[in-house]
Amino acid sequence: MYYIGSMAIKLPSEADDWIGTWHEQLNDNEDFERAASGWGVEFNGAFLFEIQPDNAYDGEPLYFFVDLIDGKCTRARQIDTPTSENFGFRYYGPATHWKHLIRGDVNAAEGRRKEKFELDGDIQKVLQYSEAIQVMTENARYIDTKFEY
């Protein structure tokens, strides 16, 4: 496995750097571009990813806005509140589960089936583009991430 960047990015203190790295990495991934072709065309394909506090992480929730259109990540940034941006999908769960997702111990679909995460949005679109969602979330494991919780 390879990692993007020369040093580990700390979550949550370096969340802006983390989401910026993920943004770049998604746009450099030909598998994502192919699988997500058509995503966000004629529908809002933006995601809100929400890391919620739990027993391991007692800080503020982290919100990542990721705008996806036709195989490209057009914007990705940390936001202060879930109402800061207009999104079509929300994927959320406790920080401990996010750690497992980012490390690759669980994938996005499995996490939802096992009720570790919740998903709001058009489930039919998610199923239609399941490979794109899978590739997108798998890409997170290639960022050298140091969890501060």
N, C-alpha and C. Protein backbone atom coordinates (compact mmCIF):
# COMPACT_ATOMS: atom_id res chain seq x y z
N MET A 1 0.85 -1.18 0.00
CA MET A 1 0.00 0.00 0.00
C MET A 1 0.89 1.24 0.00
N TYR A 2 0.51 2.23 -0.76
CA TYR A 2 1.27 3.47 -0.78
C TYR A 2 0.44 4.57 -0.13
N TYR A 3 1.14 5.62 0.29
CA TYR A 3 0.46 6.73 0.94
C TYR A 3 0.76 8.00 0.18
N ILE A 4 -0.24 8.88 0.15
CA ILE A 4 -0.08 10.19 -0.44
C ILE A 4 0.57 11.09 0.61
N GLY A 5 1.53 11.88 0.20
CA GLY A 5 2.16 12.82 1.12
C GLY A 5 3.38 12.20 1.78
N SER A 6 4.23 13.05 2.35
CA SER A 6 5.46 12.57 2.95
C SER A 6 5.35 12.37 4.45
N MET A 7 4.34 12.97 5.07
CA MET A 7 4.16 12.83 6.52
C MET A 7 2.69 12.56 6.80
N ALA A 8 2.46 11.89 7.90
CA ALA A 8 1.08 11.60 8.28
C ALA A 8 0.31 12.90 8.52
N ILE A 9 -0.93 12.90 8.10
CA ILE A 9 -1.82 14.03 8.33
C ILE A 9 -2.66 13.68 9.56
N LYS A 10 -2.73 14.59 10.50
CA LYS A 10 -3.42 14.32 11.75
C LYS A 10 -4.90 14.69 11.66
N LEU A 11 -5.73 13.77 12.12
CA LEU A 11 -7.17 14.04 12.24
C LEU A 11 -7.53 14.01 13.70
N PRO A 12 -8.18 15.03 14.20
CA PRO A 12 -8.88 16.08 13.47
C PRO A 12 -8.12 17.39 13.27
N SER A 13 -6.96 17.59 13.89
CA SER A 13 -6.33 18.91 13.88
C SER A 13 -5.92 19.38 12.49
N GLU A 14 -5.62 18.48 11.58
CA GLU A 14 -5.22 18.86 10.22
C GLU A 14 -6.27 18.42 9.20
N ALA A 15 -7.52 18.56 9.58
CA ALA A 15 -8.63 18.12 8.73
C ALA A 15 -8.64 18.82 7.38
N ASP A 16 -8.30 20.11 7.34
CA ASP A 16 -8.26 20.83 6.06
C ASP A 16 -7.23 20.21 5.11
N ASP A 17 -6.07 19.87 5.65
CA ASP A 17 -5.04 19.23 4.83
C ASP A 17 -5.49 17.85 4.37
N TRP A 18 -6.16 17.13 5.27
CA TRP A 18 -6.61 15.77 4.94
C TRP A 18 -7.60 15.80 3.78
N ILE A 19 -8.62 16.66 3.87
CA ILE A 19 -9.63 16.69 2.81
C ILE A 19 -9.05 17.24 1.51
N GLY A 20 -8.10 18.15 1.60
CA GLY A 20 -7.43 18.65 0.41
C GLY A 20 -6.62 17.57 -0.29
N THR A 21 -5.97 16.73 0.48
CA THR A 21 -5.21 15.61 -0.07
C THR A 21 -6.14 14.61 -0.72
N TRP A 22 -7.27 14.32 -0.07
CA TRP A 22 -8.24 13.39 -0.64
C TRP A 22 -8.78 13.92 -1.97
N HIS A 23 -9.05 15.22 -2.01
CA HIS A 23 -9.53 15.88 -3.23
C HIS A 23 -8.55 15.63 -4.39
N GLU A 24 -7.29 15.93 -4.15
CA GLU A 24 -6.26 15.75 -5.19
C GLU A 24 -6.16 14.28 -5.60
N GLN A 25 -6.19 13.42 -4.61
CA GLN A 25 -6.02 11.99 -4.87
C GLN A 25 -7.18 11.44 -5.69
N LEU A 26 -8.40 11.87 -5.41
CA LEU A 26 -9.55 11.43 -6.20
C LEU A 26 -9.42 11.84 -7.66
N ASN A 27 -8.97 13.06 -7.87
CA ASN A 27 -8.86 13.55 -9.25
C ASN A 27 -7.69 12.94 -10.01
N ASP A 28 -6.78 12.29 -9.31
CA ASP A 28 -5.67 11.59 -9.96
C ASP A 28 -5.98 10.11 -10.18
N ASN A 29 -7.17 9.68 -9.80
CA ASN A 29 -7.51 8.26 -9.84
C ASN A 29 -8.38 7.94 -11.07
N GLU A 30 -7.81 7.25 -12.03
CA GLU A 30 -8.54 6.92 -13.26
C GLU A 30 -9.69 5.95 -12.99
N ASP A 31 -9.54 5.07 -12.01
CA ASP A 31 -10.64 4.15 -11.67
C ASP A 31 -11.85 4.92 -11.16
N PHE A 32 -11.59 5.94 -10.33
CA PHE A 32 -12.69 6.75 -9.84
C PHE A 32 -13.35 7.51 -10.98
N GLU A 33 -12.55 8.11 -11.84
CA GLU A 33 -13.09 8.87 -12.96
C GLU A 33 -14.00 8.00 -13.83
N ARG A 34 -13.56 6.79 -14.12
CA ARG A 34 -14.35 5.88 -14.95
C ARG A 34 -15.64 5.45 -14.22
N ALA A 35 -15.50 5.03 -12.97
CA ALA A 35 -16.66 4.51 -12.23
C ALA A 35 -17.68 5.61 -11.93
N ALA A 36 -17.22 6.84 -11.75
CA ALA A 36 -18.12 7.94 -11.40
C ALA A 36 -18.58 8.75 -12.60
N SER A 37 -18.27 8.29 -13.79
CA SER A 37 -18.74 8.99 -14.99
C SER A 37 -20.27 9.05 -14.96
N GLY A 38 -20.81 10.25 -15.03
CA GLY A 38 -22.26 10.46 -14.97
C GLY A 38 -22.78 10.81 -13.58
N TRP A 39 -21.99 10.54 -12.54
CA TRP A 39 -22.42 10.89 -11.19
C TRP A 39 -22.54 12.41 -11.06
N GLY A 40 -23.63 12.86 -10.51
CA GLY A 40 -23.83 14.29 -10.29
C GLY A 40 -24.32 15.04 -11.51
N VAL A 41 -24.54 14.35 -12.62
CA VAL A 41 -25.07 14.98 -13.82
C VAL A 41 -26.59 14.92 -13.72
N GLU A 42 -27.22 16.07 -13.73
CA GLU A 42 -28.67 16.23 -13.59
C GLU A 42 -29.20 15.82 -12.22
N PHE A 43 -28.33 15.70 -11.23
CA PHE A 43 -28.74 15.53 -9.84
C PHE A 43 -27.59 16.02 -8.96
N ASN A 44 -27.90 16.36 -7.73
CA ASN A 44 -26.89 16.87 -6.81
C ASN A 44 -26.06 15.69 -6.30
N GLY A 45 -24.84 15.58 -6.77
CA GLY A 45 -23.96 14.48 -6.39
C GLY A 45 -23.01 14.81 -5.26
N ALA A 46 -23.20 15.96 -4.62
CA ALA A 46 -22.32 16.36 -3.53
C ALA A 46 -22.61 15.53 -2.28
N PHE A 47 -21.54 15.22 -1.55
CA PHE A 47 -21.63 14.48 -0.29
C PHE A 47 -21.26 15.36 0.89
N LEU A 48 -21.93 15.11 1.99
CA LEU A 48 -21.50 15.60 3.29
C LEU A 48 -21.06 14.37 4.06
N PHE A 49 -19.80 14.32 4.43
CA PHE A 49 -19.29 13.25 5.28
C PHE A 49 -19.17 13.83 6.68
N GLU A 50 -19.78 13.15 7.63
CA GLU A 50 -19.85 13.67 9.00
C GLU A 50 -19.24 12.67 9.97
N ILE A 51 -18.19 13.10 10.65
CA ILE A 51 -17.54 12.31 11.69
C ILE A 51 -18.09 12.81 13.02
N GLN A 52 -18.83 11.94 13.69
CA GLN A 52 -19.51 12.32 14.93
C GLN A 52 -18.70 11.91 16.15
N PRO A 53 -18.74 12.73 17.20
CA PRO A 53 -18.06 12.37 18.45
C PRO A 53 -18.61 11.05 19.00
N ASP A 54 -17.75 10.34 19.73
CA ASP A 54 -18.14 9.11 20.41
C ASP A 54 -17.25 8.94 21.64
N ASN A 55 -17.18 7.73 22.17
CA ASN A 55 -16.37 7.50 23.38
C ASN A 55 -14.89 7.72 23.15
N ALA A 56 -14.42 7.53 21.93
CA ALA A 56 -13.00 7.71 21.63
C ALA A 56 -12.65 9.15 21.25
N TYR A 57 -13.59 9.86 20.67
CA TYR A 57 -13.37 11.23 20.21
C TYR A 57 -14.47 12.12 20.77
N ASP A 58 -14.11 12.99 21.69
CA ASP A 58 -15.11 13.84 22.34
C ASP A 58 -15.09 15.28 21.84
N GLY A 59 -14.51 15.50 20.67
CA GLY A 59 -14.45 16.85 20.10
C GLY A 59 -15.72 17.21 19.35
N GLU A 60 -15.63 18.27 18.59
CA GLU A 60 -16.75 18.72 17.77
C GLU A 60 -16.89 17.81 16.55
N PRO A 61 -18.10 17.69 16.01
CA PRO A 61 -18.25 16.92 14.78
C PRO A 61 -17.40 17.53 13.66
N LEU A 62 -16.92 16.68 12.78
CA LEU A 62 -16.18 17.14 11.61
C LEU A 62 -17.08 16.95 10.40
N TYR A 63 -17.13 17.97 9.55
CA TYR A 63 -17.96 17.93 8.35
C TYR A 63 -17.06 18.15 7.14
N PHE A 64 -17.10 17.21 6.21
CA PHE A 64 -16.37 17.33 4.96
C PHE A 64 -17.38 17.39 3.83
N PHE A 65 -17.29 18.44 3.04
CA PHE A 65 -18.13 18.62 1.86
C PHE A 65 -17.32 18.20 0.65
N VAL A 66 -17.87 17.30 -0.16
CA VAL A 66 -17.19 16.79 -1.35
C VAL A 66 -18.17 16.86 -2.52
N ASP A 67 -17.86 17.71 -3.49
CA ASP A 67 -18.72 17.88 -4.66
C ASP A 67 -18.17 17.04 -5.81
N LEU A 68 -19.00 16.14 -6.29
CA LEU A 68 -18.59 15.20 -7.33
C LEU A 68 -19.48 15.38 -8.56
N ILE A 69 -18.85 15.58 -9.71
CA ILE A 69 -19.60 15.75 -10.95
C ILE A 69 -18.87 15.01 -12.07
N ASP A 70 -19.54 14.02 -12.63
CA ASP A 70 -19.09 13.32 -13.83
C ASP A 70 -17.65 12.82 -13.73
N GLY A 71 -17.34 12.14 -12.64
CA GLY A 71 -16.03 11.52 -12.48
C GLY A 71 -14.94 12.41 -11.93
N LYS A 72 -15.30 13.61 -11.53
CA LYS A 72 -14.32 14.54 -10.96
C LYS A 72 -14.80 15.07 -9.62
N CYS A 73 -13.86 15.33 -8.76
CA CYS A 73 -14.14 16.01 -7.49
C CYS A 73 -13.88 17.49 -7.74
N THR A 74 -14.96 18.27 -7.84
CA THR A 74 -14.80 19.68 -8.18
C THR A 74 -14.46 20.55 -6.98
N ARG A 75 -14.92 20.12 -5.81
CA ARG A 75 -14.60 20.84 -4.56
C ARG A 75 -14.58 19.84 -3.42
N ALA A 76 -13.69 20.07 -2.47
CA ALA A 76 -13.66 19.27 -1.25
C ALA A 76 -13.06 20.14 -0.17
N ARG A 77 -13.81 20.28 0.91
CA ARG A 77 -13.31 21.14 1.99
C ARG A 77 -14.02 20.80 3.29
N GLN A 78 -13.38 21.17 4.37
CA GLN A 78 -14.02 21.05 5.67
C GLN A 78 -14.96 22.23 5.82
N ILE A 79 -16.14 21.99 6.37
CA ILE A 79 -17.09 23.07 6.63
C ILE A 79 -17.45 23.07 8.11
N ASP A 80 -17.95 24.21 8.58
CA ASP A 80 -18.25 24.35 10.00
C ASP A 80 -19.58 23.75 10.42
N THR A 81 -20.57 23.83 9.54
CA THR A 81 -21.90 23.31 9.87
C THR A 81 -22.46 22.56 8.66
N PRO A 82 -23.35 21.62 8.90
CA PRO A 82 -23.91 20.87 7.77
C PRO A 82 -24.80 21.72 6.86
N THR A 83 -25.16 22.90 7.29
CA THR A 83 -25.99 23.78 6.46
C THR A 83 -25.15 24.75 5.63
N SER A 84 -23.83 24.66 5.70
CA SER A 84 -22.94 25.57 4.97
C SER A 84 -22.96 25.34 3.47
N GLU A 85 -23.33 24.13 3.04
CA GLU A 85 -23.31 23.77 1.63
C GLU A 85 -24.57 22.97 1.29
N ASN A 86 -24.92 22.97 0.03
CA ASN A 86 -26.05 22.18 -0.47
C ASN A 86 -25.50 20.84 -0.96
N PHE A 87 -25.97 19.76 -0.38
CA PHE A 87 -25.49 18.43 -0.75
C PHE A 87 -26.68 17.52 -1.02
N GLY A 88 -26.44 16.47 -1.80
CA GLY A 88 -27.49 15.51 -2.12
C GLY A 88 -27.41 14.25 -1.29
N PHE A 89 -26.25 14.02 -0.65
CA PHE A 89 -26.03 12.79 0.10
C PHE A 89 -25.28 13.11 1.39
N ARG A 90 -25.64 12.39 2.42
CA ARG A 90 -24.97 12.55 3.72
C ARG A 90 -24.62 11.17 4.23
N TYR A 91 -23.34 10.96 4.53
CA TYR A 91 -22.85 9.70 5.06
C TYR A 91 -22.23 10.03 6.41
N TYR A 92 -22.73 9.41 7.46
CA TYR A 92 -22.31 9.83 8.79
C TYR A 92 -22.27 8.68 9.78
N GLY A 93 -21.43 8.87 10.81
CA GLY A 93 -21.30 7.86 11.85
C GLY A 93 -20.26 8.29 12.86
N PRO A 94 -20.10 7.48 13.92
CA PRO A 94 -19.16 7.80 15.00
C PRO A 94 -17.69 7.76 14.54
N ALA A 95 -16.88 8.54 15.21
CA ALA A 95 -15.46 8.66 14.87
C ALA A 95 -14.74 7.31 14.84
N THR A 96 -15.04 6.44 15.78
CA THR A 96 -14.38 5.14 15.81
C THR A 96 -14.63 4.36 14.53
N HIS A 97 -15.83 4.42 14.01
CA HIS A 97 -16.14 3.72 12.77
C HIS A 97 -15.44 4.37 11.58
N TRP A 98 -15.32 5.70 11.61
CA TRP A 98 -14.59 6.38 10.54
C TRP A 98 -13.13 5.95 10.53
N LYS A 99 -12.56 5.77 11.70
CA LYS A 99 -11.17 5.30 11.76
C LYS A 99 -11.05 3.95 11.05
N HIS A 100 -11.98 3.05 11.29
CA HIS A 100 -11.96 1.74 10.65
C HIS A 100 -12.16 1.86 9.13
N LEU A 101 -13.02 2.77 8.70
CA LEU A 101 -13.26 2.97 7.27
C LEU A 101 -12.01 3.51 6.59
N ILE A 102 -11.41 4.53 7.18
CA ILE A 102 -10.23 5.15 6.58
C ILE A 102 -9.04 4.18 6.57
N ARG A 103 -8.95 3.33 7.57
CA ARG A 103 -7.87 2.34 7.60
C ARG A 103 -8.13 1.16 6.67
N GLY A 104 -9.35 1.03 6.15
CA GLY A 104 -9.67 -0.06 5.24
C GLY A 104 -10.15 -1.32 5.94
N ASP A 105 -10.45 -1.24 7.22
CA ASP A 105 -10.95 -2.41 7.96
C ASP A 105 -12.39 -2.74 7.59
N VAL A 106 -13.12 -1.75 7.08
CA VAL A 106 -14.51 -1.92 6.66
C VAL A 106 -14.71 -1.04 5.42
N ASN A 107 -15.57 -1.45 4.50
CA ASN A 107 -15.84 -0.58 3.36
C ASN A 107 -17.17 0.15 3.57
N ALA A 108 -17.46 1.09 2.70
CA ALA A 108 -18.63 1.96 2.89
C ALA A 108 -19.93 1.17 2.91
N ALA A 109 -20.10 0.24 1.99
CA ALA A 109 -21.35 -0.53 1.92
C ALA A 109 -21.48 -1.44 3.13
N GLU A 110 -20.40 -2.10 3.49
CA GLU A 110 -20.43 -2.99 4.66
C GLU A 110 -20.72 -2.20 5.94
N GLY A 111 -20.12 -1.03 6.04
CA GLY A 111 -20.36 -0.19 7.21
C GLY A 111 -21.82 0.20 7.35
N ARG A 112 -22.45 0.45 6.23
CA ARG A 112 -23.87 0.79 6.26
C ARG A 112 -24.73 -0.42 6.59
N ARG A 113 -24.42 -1.57 5.98
CA ARG A 113 -25.17 -2.80 6.26
C ARG A 113 -25.07 -3.21 7.72
N LYS A 114 -23.90 -3.00 8.30
CA LYS A 114 -23.68 -3.37 9.70
C LYS A 114 -24.10 -2.26 10.66
N GLU A 115 -24.77 -1.24 10.11
CA GLU A 115 -25.30 -0.11 10.89
C GLU A 115 -24.23 0.66 11.65
N LYS A 116 -23.04 0.72 11.09
CA LYS A 116 -21.98 1.55 11.65
C LYS A 116 -22.10 2.99 11.13
N PHE A 117 -22.72 3.12 9.95
CA PHE A 117 -22.92 4.41 9.30
C PHE A 117 -24.36 4.53 8.82
N GLU A 118 -24.79 5.76 8.65
CA GLU A 118 -26.09 6.06 8.07
C GLU A 118 -25.86 6.79 6.75
N LEU A 119 -26.83 6.67 5.86
CA LEU A 119 -26.75 7.34 4.58
C LEU A 119 -28.09 7.98 4.28
N ASP A 120 -28.07 9.27 3.99
CA ASP A 120 -29.25 10.00 3.54
C ASP A 120 -29.03 10.37 2.09
N GLY A 121 -30.05 10.22 1.27
CA GLY A 121 -29.97 10.57 -0.14
C GLY A 121 -30.64 9.50 -0.97
N ASP A 122 -30.54 9.65 -2.28
CA ASP A 122 -31.18 8.75 -3.23
C ASP A 122 -30.43 7.42 -3.26
N ILE A 123 -30.96 6.42 -2.57
CA ILE A 123 -30.31 5.12 -2.46
C ILE A 123 -30.17 4.46 -3.84
N GLN A 124 -31.12 4.69 -4.73
CA GLN A 124 -31.02 4.10 -6.08
C GLN A 124 -29.78 4.61 -6.81
N LYS A 125 -29.47 5.90 -6.65
CA LYS A 125 -28.26 6.45 -7.28
C LYS A 125 -27.01 5.82 -6.66
N VAL A 126 -27.02 5.66 -5.36
CA VAL A 126 -25.88 5.04 -4.68
C VAL A 126 -25.67 3.62 -5.19
N LEU A 127 -26.75 2.88 -5.33
CA LEU A 127 -26.65 1.51 -5.84
C LEU A 127 -26.17 1.49 -7.30
N GLN A 128 -26.69 2.42 -8.09
CA GLN A 128 -26.30 2.51 -9.50
C GLN A 128 -24.81 2.80 -9.64
N TYR A 129 -24.27 3.61 -8.74
CA TYR A 129 -22.87 4.01 -8.79
C TYR A 129 -22.07 3.39 -7.64
N SER A 130 -22.43 2.20 -7.24
CA SER A 130 -21.79 1.58 -6.08
C SER A 130 -20.28 1.43 -6.25
N GLU A 131 -19.83 1.14 -7.47
CA GLU A 131 -18.38 1.01 -7.69
C GLU A 131 -17.68 2.34 -7.45
N ALA A 132 -18.28 3.43 -7.90
CA ALA A 132 -17.69 4.76 -7.68
C ALA A 132 -17.61 5.08 -6.20
N ILE A 133 -18.67 4.78 -5.47
CA ILE A 133 -18.68 5.05 -4.03
C ILE A 133 -17.59 4.22 -3.35
N GLN A 134 -17.47 2.97 -3.77
CA GLN A 134 -16.46 2.09 -3.19
C GLN A 134 -15.05 2.60 -3.46
N VAL A 135 -14.78 2.96 -4.71
CA VAL A 135 -13.45 3.47 -5.07
C VAL A 135 -13.16 4.75 -4.31
N MET A 136 -14.16 5.63 -4.22
CA MET A 136 -13.98 6.90 -3.53
C MET A 136 -13.58 6.69 -2.07
N THR A 137 -14.31 5.83 -1.37
CA THR A 137 -14.01 5.64 0.05
C THR A 137 -12.72 4.84 0.25
N GLU A 138 -12.44 3.92 -0.65
CA GLU A 138 -11.19 3.17 -0.55
C GLU A 138 -9.98 4.08 -0.70
N ASN A 139 -10.12 5.16 -1.47
CA ASN A 139 -9.01 6.07 -1.67
C ASN A 139 -8.56 6.73 -0.38
N ALA A 140 -9.44 6.84 0.57
CA ALA A 140 -9.08 7.47 1.85
C ALA A 140 -7.97 6.70 2.56
N ARG A 141 -7.90 5.39 2.34
CA ARG A 141 -6.88 4.61 3.05
C ARG A 141 -5.48 4.89 2.53
N TYR A 142 -5.37 5.52 1.37
CA TYR A 142 -4.06 5.83 0.82
C TYR A 142 -3.48 7.15 1.31
N ILE A 143 -4.20 7.79 2.19
CA ILE A 143 -3.68 9.00 2.82
C ILE A 143 -3.10 8.58 4.16
N ASP A 144 -1.86 8.89 4.38
CA ASP A 144 -1.21 8.53 5.64
C ASP A 144 -1.84 9.37 6.75
N THR A 145 -2.72 8.73 7.51
CA THR A 145 -3.53 9.42 8.50
C THR A 145 -3.14 9.00 9.91
N LYS A 146 -2.91 9.98 10.75
CA LYS A 146 -2.66 9.72 12.17
C LYS A 146 -3.88 10.23 12.94
N PHE A 147 -4.55 9.32 13.59
CA PHE A 147 -5.74 9.70 14.36
C PHE A 147 -5.32 10.18 15.75
N GLU A 148 -5.84 11.32 16.12
CA GLU A 148 -5.50 11.89 17.42
C GLU A 148 -6.49 11.46 18.51
N TYR A 149 -7.19 10.39 18.25
CA TYR A 149 -8.12 9.84 19.23
C TYR A 149 -8.08 8.34 19.17
